[in-house]
N, C-alpha and C. Protein backbone atom coordinates (compact mmCIF):
# COMPACT_ATOMS: atom_id res chain seq x y z
N MET A 1 -22.57 15.53 19.26
CA MET A 1 -22.41 15.86 17.85
C MET A 1 -21.53 14.82 17.18
N LYS A 2 -21.98 14.29 16.08
CA LYS A 2 -21.25 13.27 15.34
C LYS A 2 -20.12 13.89 14.53
N SER A 3 -18.94 13.27 14.62
CA SER A 3 -17.80 13.74 13.83
C SER A 3 -17.96 13.31 12.38
N PRO A 4 -17.48 14.12 11.43
CA PRO A 4 -17.57 13.72 10.02
C PRO A 4 -16.67 12.51 9.76
N SER A 5 -17.09 11.65 8.86
CA SER A 5 -16.29 10.48 8.52
C SER A 5 -15.03 10.92 7.78
N ILE A 6 -14.06 10.03 7.72
CA ILE A 6 -12.83 10.34 7.00
C ILE A 6 -13.14 10.64 5.53
N LEU A 7 -14.11 9.93 4.95
CA LEU A 7 -14.49 10.17 3.57
C LEU A 7 -15.06 11.57 3.41
N GLU A 8 -15.92 11.99 4.33
CA GLU A 8 -16.47 13.35 4.26
C GLU A 8 -15.37 14.40 4.42
N GLN A 9 -14.42 14.16 5.31
CA GLN A 9 -13.32 15.09 5.52
C GLN A 9 -12.46 15.21 4.27
N LEU A 10 -12.13 14.07 3.66
CA LEU A 10 -11.32 14.10 2.45
C LEU A 10 -12.04 14.81 1.31
N LYS A 11 -13.33 14.55 1.17
CA LYS A 11 -14.08 15.21 0.09
C LYS A 11 -14.09 16.72 0.28
N SER A 12 -14.16 17.20 1.53
CA SER A 12 -14.14 18.65 1.75
C SER A 12 -12.77 19.23 1.41
N ILE A 13 -11.70 18.51 1.71
CA ILE A 13 -10.36 18.97 1.36
C ILE A 13 -10.19 18.98 -0.16
N LEU A 14 -10.65 17.93 -0.80
CA LEU A 14 -10.48 17.80 -2.25
C LEU A 14 -11.39 18.73 -3.03
N ALA A 15 -12.34 19.36 -2.37
CA ALA A 15 -13.19 20.34 -3.05
C ALA A 15 -12.47 21.66 -3.25
N LEU A 16 -11.31 21.80 -2.66
CA LEU A 16 -10.53 23.03 -2.84
C LEU A 16 -10.13 23.18 -4.30
N PRO A 17 -10.04 24.40 -4.81
CA PRO A 17 -9.83 24.61 -6.25
C PRO A 17 -8.50 24.11 -6.80
N PHE A 18 -7.48 23.92 -5.98
CA PHE A 18 -6.18 23.51 -6.50
C PHE A 18 -6.05 22.01 -6.69
N ILE A 19 -7.03 21.25 -6.26
CA ILE A 19 -6.98 19.80 -6.43
C ILE A 19 -8.09 19.41 -7.41
N VAL A 20 -7.68 18.88 -8.58
CA VAL A 20 -8.68 18.61 -9.60
C VAL A 20 -8.70 17.18 -10.12
N ILE A 21 -7.72 16.35 -9.75
CA ILE A 21 -7.66 15.03 -10.37
C ILE A 21 -7.73 13.87 -9.38
N VAL A 22 -8.08 14.13 -8.14
CA VAL A 22 -8.14 13.07 -7.15
C VAL A 22 -9.60 12.67 -6.93
N VAL A 23 -9.86 11.37 -6.95
CA VAL A 23 -11.19 10.85 -6.69
C VAL A 23 -11.09 9.90 -5.50
N ILE A 24 -11.92 10.11 -4.52
CA ILE A 24 -11.95 9.26 -3.32
C ILE A 24 -13.17 8.37 -3.41
N GLN A 25 -12.96 7.06 -3.18
CA GLN A 25 -14.08 6.12 -3.18
C GLN A 25 -13.97 5.25 -1.95
N SER A 26 -15.09 4.94 -1.36
CA SER A 26 -15.10 4.00 -0.24
C SER A 26 -15.46 2.62 -0.79
N GLY A 27 -15.19 1.61 0.00
CA GLY A 27 -15.51 0.26 -0.41
C GLY A 27 -14.79 -0.75 0.45
N ASP A 28 -15.01 -2.01 0.19
CA ASP A 28 -14.37 -3.11 0.89
C ASP A 28 -13.30 -3.70 -0.03
N PHE A 29 -12.06 -3.36 0.22
CA PHE A 29 -11.00 -3.77 -0.71
C PHE A 29 -10.74 -5.27 -0.70
N LEU A 30 -11.25 -5.96 0.31
CA LEU A 30 -11.09 -7.41 0.29
C LEU A 30 -12.15 -8.09 -0.59
N LYS A 31 -13.30 -7.44 -0.76
CA LYS A 31 -14.40 -8.06 -1.50
C LYS A 31 -14.61 -7.48 -2.90
N GLU A 32 -14.29 -6.21 -3.07
CA GLU A 32 -14.59 -5.53 -4.33
C GLU A 32 -13.32 -5.31 -5.17
N ASP A 33 -13.51 -5.22 -6.48
CA ASP A 33 -12.40 -4.85 -7.35
C ASP A 33 -12.06 -3.39 -7.11
N PHE A 34 -10.81 -3.04 -7.36
CA PHE A 34 -10.41 -1.64 -7.24
C PHE A 34 -10.92 -0.87 -8.45
N PRO A 35 -11.27 0.39 -8.26
CA PRO A 35 -11.68 1.21 -9.40
C PRO A 35 -10.47 1.49 -10.30
N LYS A 36 -10.71 1.69 -11.56
CA LYS A 36 -9.64 2.01 -12.51
C LYS A 36 -8.99 3.33 -12.08
N ALA A 37 -7.65 3.37 -12.14
CA ALA A 37 -6.93 4.57 -11.73
C ALA A 37 -5.53 4.54 -12.34
N ASP A 38 -4.92 5.71 -12.46
CA ASP A 38 -3.54 5.80 -12.93
C ASP A 38 -2.55 5.46 -11.84
N MET A 39 -2.95 5.71 -10.59
CA MET A 39 -2.10 5.39 -9.44
C MET A 39 -2.98 4.93 -8.29
N ILE A 40 -2.51 3.91 -7.60
CA ILE A 40 -3.20 3.40 -6.42
C ILE A 40 -2.21 3.45 -5.27
N THR A 41 -2.65 3.98 -4.14
CA THR A 41 -1.80 4.03 -2.95
C THR A 41 -2.38 3.16 -1.86
N MET A 42 -1.48 2.55 -1.11
CA MET A 42 -1.85 1.78 0.07
C MET A 42 -0.91 2.20 1.19
N GLY A 43 -1.45 2.77 2.23
CA GLY A 43 -0.64 3.19 3.37
C GLY A 43 -0.90 2.30 4.57
N ASN A 44 0.10 1.54 4.97
CA ASN A 44 0.00 0.63 6.12
C ASN A 44 -1.21 -0.29 5.99
N ILE A 45 -1.39 -0.83 4.81
CA ILE A 45 -2.47 -1.78 4.53
C ILE A 45 -1.91 -3.20 4.46
N LEU A 46 -0.90 -3.41 3.64
CA LEU A 46 -0.42 -4.77 3.39
C LEU A 46 0.11 -5.47 4.63
N HIS A 47 0.67 -4.72 5.58
CA HIS A 47 1.25 -5.37 6.76
C HIS A 47 0.20 -6.05 7.64
N ASP A 48 -1.07 -5.76 7.42
CA ASP A 48 -2.14 -6.39 8.21
C ASP A 48 -2.44 -7.82 7.77
N TRP A 49 -1.94 -8.22 6.62
CA TRP A 49 -2.42 -9.45 5.99
C TRP A 49 -1.30 -10.46 5.75
N GLY A 50 -1.71 -11.73 5.59
CA GLY A 50 -0.79 -12.80 5.23
C GLY A 50 -0.41 -12.72 3.76
N ILE A 51 0.46 -13.60 3.36
CA ILE A 51 1.03 -13.56 2.00
C ILE A 51 -0.03 -13.66 0.92
N GLN A 52 -1.02 -14.53 1.08
CA GLN A 52 -2.04 -14.69 0.03
C GLN A 52 -2.89 -13.43 -0.12
N ASP A 53 -3.26 -12.82 0.99
CA ASP A 53 -4.04 -11.58 0.91
C ASP A 53 -3.20 -10.42 0.40
N LYS A 54 -1.93 -10.37 0.78
CA LYS A 54 -1.04 -9.34 0.24
C LYS A 54 -1.01 -9.45 -1.29
N LYS A 55 -0.79 -10.65 -1.79
CA LYS A 55 -0.72 -10.85 -3.24
C LYS A 55 -2.07 -10.55 -3.91
N MET A 56 -3.17 -10.89 -3.24
CA MET A 56 -4.49 -10.61 -3.80
C MET A 56 -4.70 -9.10 -3.95
N LEU A 57 -4.30 -8.33 -2.95
CA LEU A 57 -4.45 -6.87 -3.01
C LEU A 57 -3.52 -6.26 -4.07
N ILE A 58 -2.32 -6.77 -4.18
CA ILE A 58 -1.40 -6.29 -5.22
C ILE A 58 -1.96 -6.62 -6.60
N LYS A 59 -2.56 -7.79 -6.74
CA LYS A 59 -3.16 -8.20 -8.03
C LYS A 59 -4.36 -7.31 -8.36
N LYS A 60 -5.18 -6.98 -7.37
CA LYS A 60 -6.31 -6.08 -7.63
C LYS A 60 -5.82 -4.73 -8.11
N ALA A 61 -4.73 -4.24 -7.52
CA ALA A 61 -4.16 -2.98 -7.98
C ALA A 61 -3.65 -3.12 -9.41
N TYR A 62 -2.96 -4.20 -9.70
CA TYR A 62 -2.44 -4.44 -11.05
C TYR A 62 -3.58 -4.42 -12.07
N ASP A 63 -4.66 -5.12 -11.76
CA ASP A 63 -5.80 -5.20 -12.68
C ASP A 63 -6.47 -3.85 -12.91
N ALA A 64 -6.40 -2.96 -11.92
CA ALA A 64 -7.06 -1.66 -12.03
C ALA A 64 -6.20 -0.59 -12.72
N LEU A 65 -4.91 -0.85 -12.86
CA LEU A 65 -4.00 0.14 -13.42
C LEU A 65 -3.84 0.00 -14.92
N PRO A 66 -3.64 1.11 -15.63
CA PRO A 66 -3.30 1.03 -17.05
C PRO A 66 -1.81 0.71 -17.20
N GLN A 67 -1.39 0.39 -18.41
CA GLN A 67 0.04 0.21 -18.67
C GLN A 67 0.76 1.49 -18.27
N GLY A 68 1.84 1.38 -17.50
CA GLY A 68 2.56 2.54 -17.02
C GLY A 68 2.04 3.09 -15.71
N GLY A 69 0.91 2.55 -15.21
CA GLY A 69 0.34 2.99 -13.94
C GLY A 69 1.20 2.55 -12.77
N ALA A 70 0.99 3.17 -11.61
CA ALA A 70 1.84 2.91 -10.45
C ALA A 70 1.03 2.49 -9.23
N LEU A 71 1.57 1.50 -8.53
CA LEU A 71 1.10 1.13 -7.20
C LEU A 71 2.14 1.65 -6.22
N VAL A 72 1.72 2.50 -5.28
CA VAL A 72 2.62 3.06 -4.27
C VAL A 72 2.18 2.52 -2.92
N VAL A 73 3.08 1.77 -2.28
CA VAL A 73 2.79 1.15 -1.00
C VAL A 73 3.70 1.77 0.06
N ILE A 74 3.10 2.38 1.07
CA ILE A 74 3.86 3.02 2.14
C ILE A 74 3.76 2.14 3.38
N GLU A 75 4.90 1.67 3.83
CA GLU A 75 4.97 0.77 4.98
C GLU A 75 6.31 1.02 5.70
N ASN A 76 6.52 0.32 6.76
CA ASN A 76 7.81 0.32 7.45
C ASN A 76 8.66 -0.78 6.81
N ILE A 77 9.11 -0.51 5.61
CA ILE A 77 9.82 -1.52 4.82
C ILE A 77 11.10 -1.94 5.54
N ILE A 78 11.25 -3.23 5.69
CA ILE A 78 12.43 -3.79 6.35
C ILE A 78 13.56 -3.89 5.32
N ASP A 79 14.77 -3.55 5.74
CA ASP A 79 15.90 -3.67 4.82
C ASP A 79 16.09 -5.15 4.44
N ASP A 80 16.63 -5.38 3.25
CA ASP A 80 16.73 -6.75 2.72
C ASP A 80 17.54 -7.68 3.61
N ASN A 81 18.51 -7.14 4.37
CA ASN A 81 19.31 -7.96 5.28
C ASN A 81 18.62 -8.18 6.62
N ARG A 82 17.50 -7.49 6.82
CA ARG A 82 16.74 -7.58 8.07
C ARG A 82 17.62 -7.27 9.28
N SER A 83 18.40 -6.18 9.17
CA SER A 83 19.33 -5.85 10.25
C SER A 83 19.35 -4.37 10.64
N GLU A 84 18.68 -3.49 9.87
CA GLU A 84 18.83 -2.05 10.12
C GLU A 84 17.56 -1.35 10.57
N ASN A 85 16.43 -1.62 9.97
CA ASN A 85 15.21 -0.89 10.31
C ASN A 85 14.56 -1.55 11.54
N THR A 86 15.08 -1.19 12.71
CA THR A 86 14.59 -1.78 13.95
C THR A 86 13.10 -1.55 14.13
N PHE A 87 12.64 -0.33 13.80
CA PHE A 87 11.21 -0.05 13.94
C PHE A 87 10.39 -0.98 13.04
N GLY A 88 10.83 -1.18 11.81
CA GLY A 88 10.13 -2.09 10.89
C GLY A 88 10.11 -3.51 11.41
N LEU A 89 11.22 -3.95 11.97
CA LEU A 89 11.28 -5.31 12.52
C LEU A 89 10.34 -5.45 13.73
N MET A 90 10.32 -4.43 14.58
CA MET A 90 9.42 -4.47 15.74
C MET A 90 7.96 -4.37 15.29
N MET A 91 7.69 -3.58 14.27
CA MET A 91 6.32 -3.49 13.75
C MET A 91 5.89 -4.85 13.19
N SER A 92 6.81 -5.54 12.53
CA SER A 92 6.48 -6.86 12.00
C SER A 92 6.13 -7.81 13.14
N LEU A 93 6.91 -7.78 14.21
CA LEU A 93 6.60 -8.60 15.38
C LEU A 93 5.24 -8.21 15.96
N ASN A 94 4.98 -6.92 16.03
CA ASN A 94 3.69 -6.42 16.52
C ASN A 94 2.54 -6.95 15.66
N MET A 95 2.71 -6.93 14.33
CA MET A 95 1.65 -7.42 13.44
C MET A 95 1.42 -8.92 13.64
N LEU A 96 2.48 -9.66 13.89
CA LEU A 96 2.33 -11.10 14.15
C LEU A 96 1.55 -11.35 15.44
N ILE A 97 1.69 -10.44 16.40
CA ILE A 97 0.97 -10.58 17.67
C ILE A 97 -0.49 -10.14 17.52
N GLU A 98 -0.72 -9.04 16.79
CA GLU A 98 -2.05 -8.44 16.72
C GLU A 98 -2.96 -9.01 15.64
N THR A 99 -2.40 -9.66 14.63
CA THR A 99 -3.22 -10.15 13.52
C THR A 99 -2.98 -11.65 13.33
N PRO A 100 -3.90 -12.34 12.67
CA PRO A 100 -3.70 -13.77 12.45
C PRO A 100 -2.49 -14.09 11.55
N GLU A 101 -2.21 -13.23 10.55
CA GLU A 101 -1.14 -13.54 9.60
C GLU A 101 -0.28 -12.36 9.20
N GLY A 102 -0.56 -11.17 9.70
CA GLY A 102 0.12 -9.97 9.24
C GLY A 102 1.61 -9.94 9.56
N PHE A 103 2.37 -9.25 8.71
CA PHE A 103 3.80 -9.05 8.93
C PHE A 103 4.30 -7.96 8.00
N ASP A 104 5.35 -7.28 8.42
CA ASP A 104 6.01 -6.31 7.55
C ASP A 104 6.99 -7.05 6.66
N PHE A 105 7.51 -6.39 5.65
CA PHE A 105 8.27 -7.08 4.61
C PHE A 105 9.38 -6.20 4.08
N SER A 106 10.26 -6.81 3.32
CA SER A 106 11.39 -6.09 2.72
C SER A 106 11.02 -5.64 1.30
N ALA A 107 11.85 -4.76 0.77
CA ALA A 107 11.67 -4.33 -0.62
C ALA A 107 11.84 -5.52 -1.56
N ALA A 108 12.75 -6.43 -1.22
CA ALA A 108 12.96 -7.62 -2.06
C ALA A 108 11.71 -8.51 -2.05
N ASP A 109 11.07 -8.64 -0.89
CA ASP A 109 9.82 -9.40 -0.83
C ASP A 109 8.79 -8.78 -1.76
N PHE A 110 8.59 -7.46 -1.63
CA PHE A 110 7.61 -6.76 -2.46
C PHE A 110 7.95 -6.89 -3.93
N ASP A 111 9.21 -6.74 -4.29
CA ASP A 111 9.65 -6.87 -5.68
C ASP A 111 9.26 -8.24 -6.24
N GLY A 112 9.48 -9.28 -5.47
CA GLY A 112 9.13 -10.63 -5.91
C GLY A 112 7.64 -10.80 -6.13
N TRP A 113 6.84 -10.32 -5.18
CA TRP A 113 5.37 -10.44 -5.31
C TRP A 113 4.87 -9.63 -6.50
N ALA A 114 5.35 -8.39 -6.63
CA ALA A 114 4.88 -7.51 -7.70
C ALA A 114 5.23 -8.07 -9.07
N LYS A 115 6.44 -8.56 -9.22
CA LYS A 115 6.86 -9.11 -10.52
C LYS A 115 6.16 -10.43 -10.82
N GLU A 116 5.89 -11.22 -9.80
CA GLU A 116 5.12 -12.47 -9.99
C GLU A 116 3.74 -12.15 -10.54
N ILE A 117 3.16 -11.05 -10.10
CA ILE A 117 1.82 -10.65 -10.53
C ILE A 117 1.84 -10.01 -11.91
N GLY A 118 2.98 -9.45 -12.32
CA GLY A 118 3.07 -8.89 -13.67
C GLY A 118 3.65 -7.49 -13.75
N PHE A 119 3.90 -6.83 -12.62
CA PHE A 119 4.50 -5.50 -12.67
C PHE A 119 5.87 -5.58 -13.32
N ALA A 120 6.20 -4.57 -14.11
CA ALA A 120 7.46 -4.56 -14.87
C ALA A 120 8.66 -4.18 -14.02
N GLN A 121 8.46 -3.26 -13.09
CA GLN A 121 9.61 -2.81 -12.29
C GLN A 121 9.14 -2.30 -10.94
N THR A 122 10.07 -2.31 -9.99
CA THR A 122 9.79 -1.74 -8.67
C THR A 122 10.96 -0.86 -8.25
N SER A 123 10.68 0.03 -7.32
CA SER A 123 11.72 0.86 -6.73
C SER A 123 11.34 1.19 -5.30
N VAL A 124 12.31 1.73 -4.56
CA VAL A 124 12.09 2.10 -3.17
C VAL A 124 12.38 3.58 -3.02
N MET A 125 11.51 4.28 -2.28
CA MET A 125 11.73 5.68 -1.96
C MET A 125 11.71 5.81 -0.44
N GLN A 126 12.87 6.18 0.14
CA GLN A 126 12.94 6.38 1.58
C GLN A 126 12.14 7.62 1.96
N LEU A 127 11.31 7.51 2.97
CA LEU A 127 10.53 8.64 3.47
C LEU A 127 11.09 9.06 4.83
N THR A 128 10.52 10.07 5.42
CA THR A 128 10.96 10.51 6.73
C THR A 128 10.70 9.43 7.76
N GLY A 129 11.64 9.22 8.65
CA GLY A 129 11.47 8.21 9.70
C GLY A 129 11.67 6.81 9.15
N PRO A 130 11.05 5.82 9.77
CA PRO A 130 11.27 4.43 9.37
C PRO A 130 10.45 3.97 8.17
N SER A 131 9.58 4.83 7.66
CA SER A 131 8.72 4.42 6.55
C SER A 131 9.40 4.62 5.21
N SER A 132 9.02 3.80 4.27
CA SER A 132 9.46 3.90 2.87
C SER A 132 8.26 3.66 1.98
N ALA A 133 8.40 4.07 0.75
CA ALA A 133 7.40 3.74 -0.27
C ALA A 133 8.06 2.75 -1.23
N VAL A 134 7.39 1.63 -1.46
CA VAL A 134 7.80 0.74 -2.53
C VAL A 134 6.83 1.00 -3.67
N ILE A 135 7.37 1.16 -4.85
CA ILE A 135 6.59 1.58 -6.00
C ILE A 135 6.71 0.52 -7.09
N ALA A 136 5.58 0.07 -7.59
CA ALA A 136 5.54 -0.90 -8.68
C ALA A 136 4.92 -0.25 -9.90
N ILE A 137 5.58 -0.38 -11.03
CA ILE A 137 5.09 0.18 -12.29
C ILE A 137 4.63 -0.95 -13.18
N LYS A 138 3.42 -0.80 -13.72
CA LYS A 138 2.85 -1.83 -14.60
C LYS A 138 3.45 -1.70 -15.99
C-alpha cells in the first residue's frame, strides 16, 4: 500500500474547519517563482545551499511578499560570536560534509543578506532546543 505524500497529508489536515487561510503548493523552489503570499516559511532549507542560492531563495521570497509581509526561516541559527550553539556549529560542519556548498549561519549573516535584498528589518525568535526563527519583514 502506497503512503500518502506529504502534500496529500497536509491538505487533509488543512481541510479541518478551524484552518481557513493556509494554502499549500508544491513546486521546485530552485526553478520556479514563489507564489504570492503574506508570509513565507522555510524550515531547514537555506542550510542546504551556498551563499548565492541562499540569496536567490531569499530574493524569491522578497519578490513574492507584499509590503509588510514576512519571511520566517527556521534553522539552527549560530550565535553571532560562533561560540554558544554547539549543535548549530556541528550542523554547519555536517552540511559542509554532506552538500557541495551548504552551511548554517548566524542571525547577523541572515540580517546582512535580507537587507541587501531589500527587507526593511529582521529579528530572531529563539525556539525550543537549538533552533531559532530569523524573521525578515519587507
